[in-house]
C-alpha atoms as a PDB file:
ATOM      1  CA  MET A   1       0.135   0.013   0.024  1.00  0.00           C
ATOM      2  CA  SER A   2       1.363   3.327  -1.081  1.00  0.00           C
ATOM      3  CA  ILE A   3       1.364   6.601   0.998  1.00  0.00           C
ATOM      4  CA  HIS A   4      -1.305   9.149   0.019  1.00  0.00           C
ATOM      5  CA  GLN A   5      -1.449  12.735   0.526  1.00  0.00           C
ATOM      6  CA  PRO A   6      -3.873  13.528   3.567  1.00  0.00           C
ATOM      7  CA  GLY A   7      -7.511  14.437   2.715  1.00  0.00           C
ATOM      8  CA  ARG A   8     -11.157  13.264   2.662  1.00  0.00           C
ATOM      9  CA  ARG A   9     -11.493   9.573   1.349  1.00  0.00           C
ATOM     10  CA  LEU A  10     -14.426   8.383   3.227  1.00  0.00           C
ATOM     11  CA  MET A  11     -17.208   7.406   0.710  1.00  0.00           C
ATOM     12  CA  HIS A  12     -15.441   8.135  -2.425  1.00  0.00           C
ATOM     13  CA  ASN A  13     -15.104   4.943  -3.770  1.00  0.00           C
ATOM     14  CA  VAL A  14     -18.915   4.488  -3.743  1.00  0.00           C
ATOM     15  CA  PRO A  15     -19.856   4.221  -7.487  1.00  0.00           C
ATOM     16  CA  LEU A  16     -23.012   6.000  -7.100  1.00  0.00           C
ATOM     17  CA  ARG A  17     -23.299   9.467  -8.583  1.00  0.00           C
ATOM     18  CA  PHE A  18     -25.599  11.089  -6.007  1.00  0.00           C
ATOM     19  CA  VAL A  19     -23.256   9.790  -3.021  1.00  0.00           C
ATOM     20  CA  GLN A  20     -20.033  11.255  -5.199  1.00  0.00           C
ATOM     21  CA  LYS A  21     -22.099  14.707  -5.301  1.00  0.00           C
ATOM     22  CA  LYS A  22     -22.906  14.676  -1.607  1.00  0.00           C
ATOM     23  CA  VAL A  23     -19.176  13.603  -0.612  1.00  0.00           C
ATOM     24  CA  THR A  24     -17.497  16.285  -2.598  1.00  0.00           C
ATOM     25  CA  GLY A  25     -19.771  19.015  -1.319  1.00  0.00           C
ATOM     26  CA  GLY A  26     -21.936  19.455  -4.562  1.00  0.00           C
ATOM     27  CA  GLY A  27     -25.204  18.563  -3.172  1.00  0.00           C
ATOM     28  CA  ALA A  28     -28.374  20.447  -3.632  1.00  0.00           C
ATOM     29  CA  ARG A  29     -28.883  21.433   0.080  1.00  0.00           C
ATOM     30  CA  ALA A  30     -26.850  22.364   2.854  1.00  0.00           C
ATOM     31  CA  THR A  31     -26.444  19.954   5.587  1.00  0.00           C
ATOM     32  CA  ASN A  32     -27.289  22.321   8.475  1.00  0.00           C
ATOM     33  CA  ALA A  33     -30.872  23.750   8.741  1.00  0.00           C
ATOM     34  CA  SER A  34     -31.578  27.378   9.894  1.00  0.00           C
ATOM     35  CA  LEU A  35     -34.147  28.451  12.190  1.00  0.00           C
ATOM     36  CA  SER A  36     -35.571  32.009  11.897  1.00  0.00           C
ATOM     37  CA  LEU A  37     -34.596  33.679  15.257  1.00  0.00           C
ATOM     38  CA  THR A  38     -37.513  36.279  14.889  1.00  0.00           C
ATOM     39  CA  SER A  39     -40.315  33.574  14.613  1.00  0.00           C
ATOM     40  CA  MET A  40     -38.848  31.638  17.731  1.00  0.00           C
ATOM     41  CA  ILE A  41     -38.757  34.498  19.695  1.00  0.00           C
ATOM     42  CA  ASP A  42     -42.478  35.549  18.680  1.00  0.00           C
ATOM     43  CA  PHE A  43     -43.651  32.087  19.426  1.00  0.00           C
ATOM     44  CA  LEU A  44     -41.990  32.066  22.844  1.00  0.00           C
ATOM     45  CA  VAL A  45     -43.251  35.484  23.708  1.00  0.00           C
ATOM     46  CA  VAL A  46     -46.943  34.404  22.781  1.00  0.00           C
ATOM     47  CA  THR A  47     -46.373  31.444  24.719  1.00  0.00           C
ATOM     48  CA  VAL A  48     -45.164  33.169  27.885  1.00  0.00           C
ATOM     49  CA  VAL A  49     -47.887  35.676  27.644  1.00  0.00           C
ATOM     50  CA  PHE A  50     -50.865  32.942  27.314  1.00  0.00           C
ATOM     51  CA  LEU A  51     -49.242  31.201  30.523  1.00  0.00           C
ATOM     52  CA  LEU A  52     -49.118  34.542  32.451  1.00  0.00           C
ATOM     53  CA  ILE A  53     -52.838  35.271  31.587  1.00  0.00           C
ATOM     54  CA  THR A  54     -54.199  31.945  32.371  1.00  0.00           C
ATOM     55  CA  PHE A  55     -52.293  31.382  35.553  1.00  0.00           C
ATOM     56  CA  SER A  56     -54.243  31.868  38.883  1.00  0.00           C
ATOM     57  CA  ALA A  57     -52.425  31.555  42.107  1.00  0.00           C
ATOM     58  CA  SER A  58     -55.390  32.198  44.191  1.00  0.00           C
ATOM     59  CA  GLY A  59     -57.358  29.233  42.902  1.00  0.00           C
ATOM     60  CA  GLU A  60     -60.040  31.320  41.078  1.00  0.00           C
ATOM     61  CA  THR A  61     -62.768  29.088  39.682  1.00  0.00           C
ATOM     62  CA  SER A  62     -65.550  30.080  37.126  1.00  0.00           C
ATOM     63  CA  MET A  63     -68.873  30.953  38.335  1.00  0.00           C
ATOM     64  CA  PRO A  64     -72.157  29.620  36.632  1.00  0.00           C
ATOM     65  CA  LYS A  65     -74.243  32.270  34.928  1.00  0.00           C
ATOM     66  CA  GLY A  66     -76.918  33.737  37.300  1.00  0.00           C
ATOM     67  CA  VAL A  67     -75.338  32.561  40.344  1.00  0.00           C
ATOM     68  CA  LYS A  68     -75.152  35.162  43.161  1.00  0.00           C
ATOM     69  CA  PHE A  69     -73.109  34.005  46.258  1.00  0.00           C
ATOM     70  CA  PRO A  70     -73.919  35.138  49.816  1.00  0.00           C
ATOM     71  CA  ASP A  71     -71.488  37.911  51.091  1.00  0.00           C
ATOM     72  CA  ALA A  72     -68.838  37.452  53.973  1.00  0.00           C
ATOM     73  CA  GLU A  73     -66.429  39.986  55.621  1.00  0.00           C
ATOM     74  CA  ASN A  74     -63.914  37.031  56.898  1.00  0.00           C
ATOM     75  CA  THR A  75     -62.863  34.922  53.879  1.00  0.00           C
ATOM     76  CA  LEU A  76     -60.038  32.960  52.985  1.00  0.00           C
ATOM     77  CA  ASP A  77     -58.499  31.843  49.656  1.00  0.00           C
ATOM     78  CA  MET A  78     -59.560  28.960  47.495  1.00  0.00           C
ATOM     79  CA  ILE A  79     -58.245  25.464  48.801  1.00  0.00           C
ATOM     80  CA  ASP A  80     -57.826  22.505  46.703  1.00  0.00           C
ATOM     81  CA  ALA A  81     -60.915  20.446  47.157  1.00  0.00           C
ATOM     82  CA  PRO A  82     -63.955  18.975  45.113  1.00  0.00           C
ATOM     83  CA  LEU A  83     -66.260  21.955  44.056  1.00  0.00           C
ATOM     84  CA  VAL A  84     -69.971  21.205  44.559  1.00  0.00           C
ATOM     85  CA  ALA A  85     -72.106  23.670  42.755  1.00  0.00           C
ATOM     86  CA  VAL A  86     -75.699  23.948  43.441  1.00  0.00           C
ATOM     87  CA  THR A  87     -77.914  25.997  40.985  1.00  0.00           C
ATOM     88  CA  ASP A  88     -81.621  25.895  40.682  1.00  0.00           C
ATOM     89  CA  SER A  89     -82.167  22.198  40.640  1.00  0.00           C
ATOM     90  CA  LEU A  90     -78.820  20.758  39.611  1.00  0.00           C
ATOM     91  CA  VAL A  91     -76.066  19.615  41.394  1.00  0.00           C
ATOM     92  CA  LEU A  92     -72.327  19.708  39.951  1.00  0.00           C
ATOM     93  CA  VAL A  93     -69.137  18.333  41.345  1.00  0.00           C
ATOM     94  CA  ASP A  94     -66.079  19.805  39.574  1.00  0.00           C
ATOM     95  CA  GLY A  95     -68.336  21.011  36.628  1.00  0.00           C
ATOM     96  CA  ASN A  96     -69.927  17.490  36.099  1.00  0.00           C
ATOM     97  CA  ALA A  97     -73.595  16.781  36.796  1.00  0.00           C
ATOM     98  CA  ALA A  98     -73.963  14.773  40.068  1.00  0.00           C
ATOM     99  CA  GLY A  99     -77.569  14.964  40.857  1.00  0.00           C
ATOM    100  CA  ASN A 100     -80.879  16.836  40.985  1.00  0.00           C
ATOM    101  CA  THR A 101     -82.528  18.623  43.892  1.00  0.00           C
ATOM    102  CA  ARG A 102     -86.197  18.676  42.569  1.00  0.00           C
ATOM    103  CA  ASP A 103     -87.488  16.006  44.726  1.00  0.00           C
ATOM    104  CA  ILE A 104     -85.971  17.637  47.675  1.00  0.00           C
ATOM    105  CA  GLU A 105     -87.542  21.250  46.979  1.00  0.00           C
ATOM    106  CA  GLU A 106     -90.948  19.258  46.295  1.00  0.00           C
ATOM    107  CA  SER A 107     -90.870  17.044  49.536  1.00  0.00           C
ATOM    108  CA  LYS A 108     -89.022  19.672  51.815  1.00  0.00           C
ATOM    109  CA  ASN A 109     -87.514  17.033  53.750  1.00  0.00           C
ATOM    110  CA  LEU A 110     -83.879  16.240  54.105  1.00  0.00           C
ATOM    111  CA  ARG A 111     -82.739  13.326  51.913  1.00  0.00           C
ATOM    112  CA  ARG A 112     -79.177  12.073  50.622  1.00  0.00           C
ATOM    113  CA  ILE A 113     -78.477  12.769  47.222  1.00  0.00           C
ATOM    114  CA  ASP A 114     -77.307   9.424  45.871  1.00  0.00           C
ATOM    115  CA  GLU A 115     -75.577  10.529  42.808  1.00  0.00           C
ATOM    116  CA  LEU A 116     -73.768  13.239  44.537  1.00  0.00           C
ATOM    117  CA  HIS A 117     -72.596  10.670  47.357  1.00  0.00           C
ATOM    118  CA  ASN A 118     -71.451   8.295  44.842  1.00  0.00           C
ATOM    119  CA  VAL A 119     -69.163  10.938  43.141  1.00  0.00           C
ATOM    120  CA  LEU A 120     -67.820  12.202  46.101  1.00  0.00           C
ATOM    121  CA  LYS A 121     -67.181   8.747  47.454  1.00  0.00           C
ATOM    122  CA  GLY A 122     -65.204   7.800  44.271  1.00  0.00           C
ATOM    123  CA  LYS A 123     -63.124  11.115  44.612  1.00  0.00           C
ATOM    124  CA  ARG A 124     -62.224  10.092  48.071  1.00  0.00           C
ATOM    125  CA  GLU A 125     -61.021   6.626  46.934  1.00  0.00           C
ATOM    126  CA  VAL A 126     -59.303   8.259  44.280  1.00  0.00           C
ATOM    127  CA  TRP A 127     -57.492  10.593  46.671  1.00  0.00           C
ATOM    128  CA  LYS A 128     -56.677   7.680  48.924  1.00  0.00           C
ATOM    129  CA  GLN A 129     -54.858   5.744  46.149  1.00  0.00           C
ATOM    130  CA  LEU A 130     -52.736   8.738  45.059  1.00  0.00           C
ATOM    131  CA  HIS A 131     -51.937   9.768  48.871  1.00  0.00           C
ATOM    132  CA  PRO A 132     -51.592   6.523  50.552  1.00  0.00           C
ATOM    133  CA  GLN A 133     -49.372   7.779  53.377  1.00  0.00           C
ATOM    134  CA  LYS A 134     -51.549  10.823  54.176  1.00  0.00           C
ATOM    135  CA  GLU A 135     -54.745  11.235  56.163  1.00  0.00           C
ATOM    136  CA  PHE A 136     -57.648  12.186  54.083  1.00  0.00           C
ATOM    137  CA  PRO A 137     -58.341  15.871  54.638  1.00  0.00           C
ATOM    138  CA  GLY A 138     -62.148  15.367  53.920  1.00  0.00           C
ATOM    139  CA  VAL A 139     -62.664  19.199  52.928  1.00  0.00           C
ATOM    140  CA  VAL A 140     -65.319  19.999  50.178  1.00  0.00           C
ATOM    141  CA  VAL A 141     -66.097  23.394  48.825  1.00  0.00           C
ATOM    142  CA  LEU A 142     -70.026  24.271  48.412  1.00  0.00           C
ATOM    143  CA  GLN A 143     -70.801  26.878  45.677  1.00  0.00           C
ATOM    144  CA  ILE A 144     -74.426  27.542  46.227  1.00  0.00           C
ATOM    145  CA  ASP A 145     -76.488  30.349  44.976  1.00  0.00           C
ATOM    146  CA  GLN A 146     -77.910  32.321  47.521  1.00  0.00           C
ATOM    147  CA  ASN A 147     -81.500  31.630  46.397  1.00  0.00           C
ATOM    148  CA  VAL A 148     -81.268  28.058  46.907  1.00  0.00           C
ATOM    149  CA  LYS A 149     -83.762  26.613  49.604  1.00  0.00           C
ATOM    150  CA  ALA A 150     -82.199  25.717  53.099  1.00  0.00           C
ATOM    151  CA  VAL A 151     -83.430  22.180  52.733  1.00  0.00           C
ATOM    152  CA  VAL A 152     -81.500  21.599  49.722  1.00  0.00           C
ATOM    153  CA  VAL A 153     -78.499  23.235  51.169  1.00  0.00           C
ATOM    154  CA  LYS A 154     -78.669  20.972  54.474  1.00  0.00           C
ATOM    155  CA  SER A 155     -79.298  17.921  52.075  1.00  0.00           C
ATOM    156  CA  VAL A 156     -76.132  18.555  50.116  1.00  0.00           C
ATOM    157  CA  PHE A 157     -74.118  19.296  53.391  1.00  0.00           C
ATOM    158  CA  GLN A 158     -75.461  16.104  54.996  1.00  0.00           C
ATOM    159  CA  THR A 159     -74.652  14.083  51.876  1.00  0.00           C
ATOM    160  CA  ALA A 160     -71.125  15.546  51.646  1.00  0.00           C
ATOM    161  CA  ALA A 161     -70.572  14.481  55.254  1.00  0.00           C
ATOM    162  CA  PHE A 162     -71.997  10.958  54.629  1.00  0.00           C
ATOM    163  CA  ALA A 163     -69.697  10.669  51.535  1.00  0.00           C
ATOM    164  CA  GLY A 164     -66.747  11.265  54.010  1.00  0.00           C
ATOM    165  CA  TYR A 165     -66.252  14.962  53.876  1.00  0.00           C
ATOM    166  CA  PRO A 166     -67.139  16.280  57.215  1.00  0.00           C
ATOM    167  CA  ASN A 167     -65.310  19.694  56.626  1.00  0.00           C
ATOM    168  CA  VAL A 168     -67.242  21.918  54.590  1.00  0.00           C
ATOM    169  CA  SER A 169     -66.370  25.417  53.040  1.00  0.00           C
ATOM    170  CA  PHE A 170     -68.766  27.770  51.376  1.00  0.00           C
ATOM    171  CA  MET A 171     -67.872  29.933  48.517  1.00  0.00           C
ATOM    172  CA  VAL A 172     -68.944  33.548  49.239  1.00  0.00           C
ATOM    173  CA  GLY A 173     -68.532  36.714  47.798  1.00  0.00           C
ATOM    174  CA  GLY A 174     -66.036  38.901  49.614  1.00  0.00           C
ATOM    175  CA  ILE A 175     -67.121  42.356  51.171  1.00  0.00           C
ATOM    176  CA  PRO A 176     -64.393  44.955  51.222  1.00  0.00           C
ATOM    177  CA  LYS A 177     -62.872  45.327  54.586  1.00  0.00           C
ATOM    178  CA  THR A 178     -63.199  49.070  55.938  1.00  0.00           C
ATOM    179  CA  SER A 179     -60.866  50.725  58.189  1.00  0.00           C
ATOM    180  CA  ALA A 180     -62.312  50.978  61.703  1.00  0.00           C
ATOM    181  CA  ALA A 181     -60.518  54.651  62.287  1.00  0.00           C
ATOM    182  CA  ASN A 182     -63.793  56.502  62.579  1.00  0.00           C
END
């Protein structure tokens, strides 16, 4: 074997014409792709602005239309717990239908809402499976229109307690605190 001048030799022996073109640098396209920096920055800015707008640190939730909450002076930020919403005759858990209150309104008697009980019990079991080492807090947030009858509120409260949620918080509208410097 004779001594050759140093240089590129890899793939030069392949008898295919398109391989020869690529090896010698005569290919149609460059091997490195370029990315427009302006479009990438635009994309990142739009993504960051979207995330900032949709971020909610205090756990704000959407309110159903036409629901008016009772007002309260002493309030706390939202907690992470199942949200039971009661409107005219519909019971929702985290936005999904979980019962009806027409029977309770008509009979005017306390009654367990079976669909609500089953959904809350299922949520409790899922929480226990996800957090096997922790004690279940048993907290539920009730989002109830101020025009809902007391017997319905009591029935929802009692159903939540039967399902393993004895700690109930009510979602209310906050009253601005006034200074007592008069």
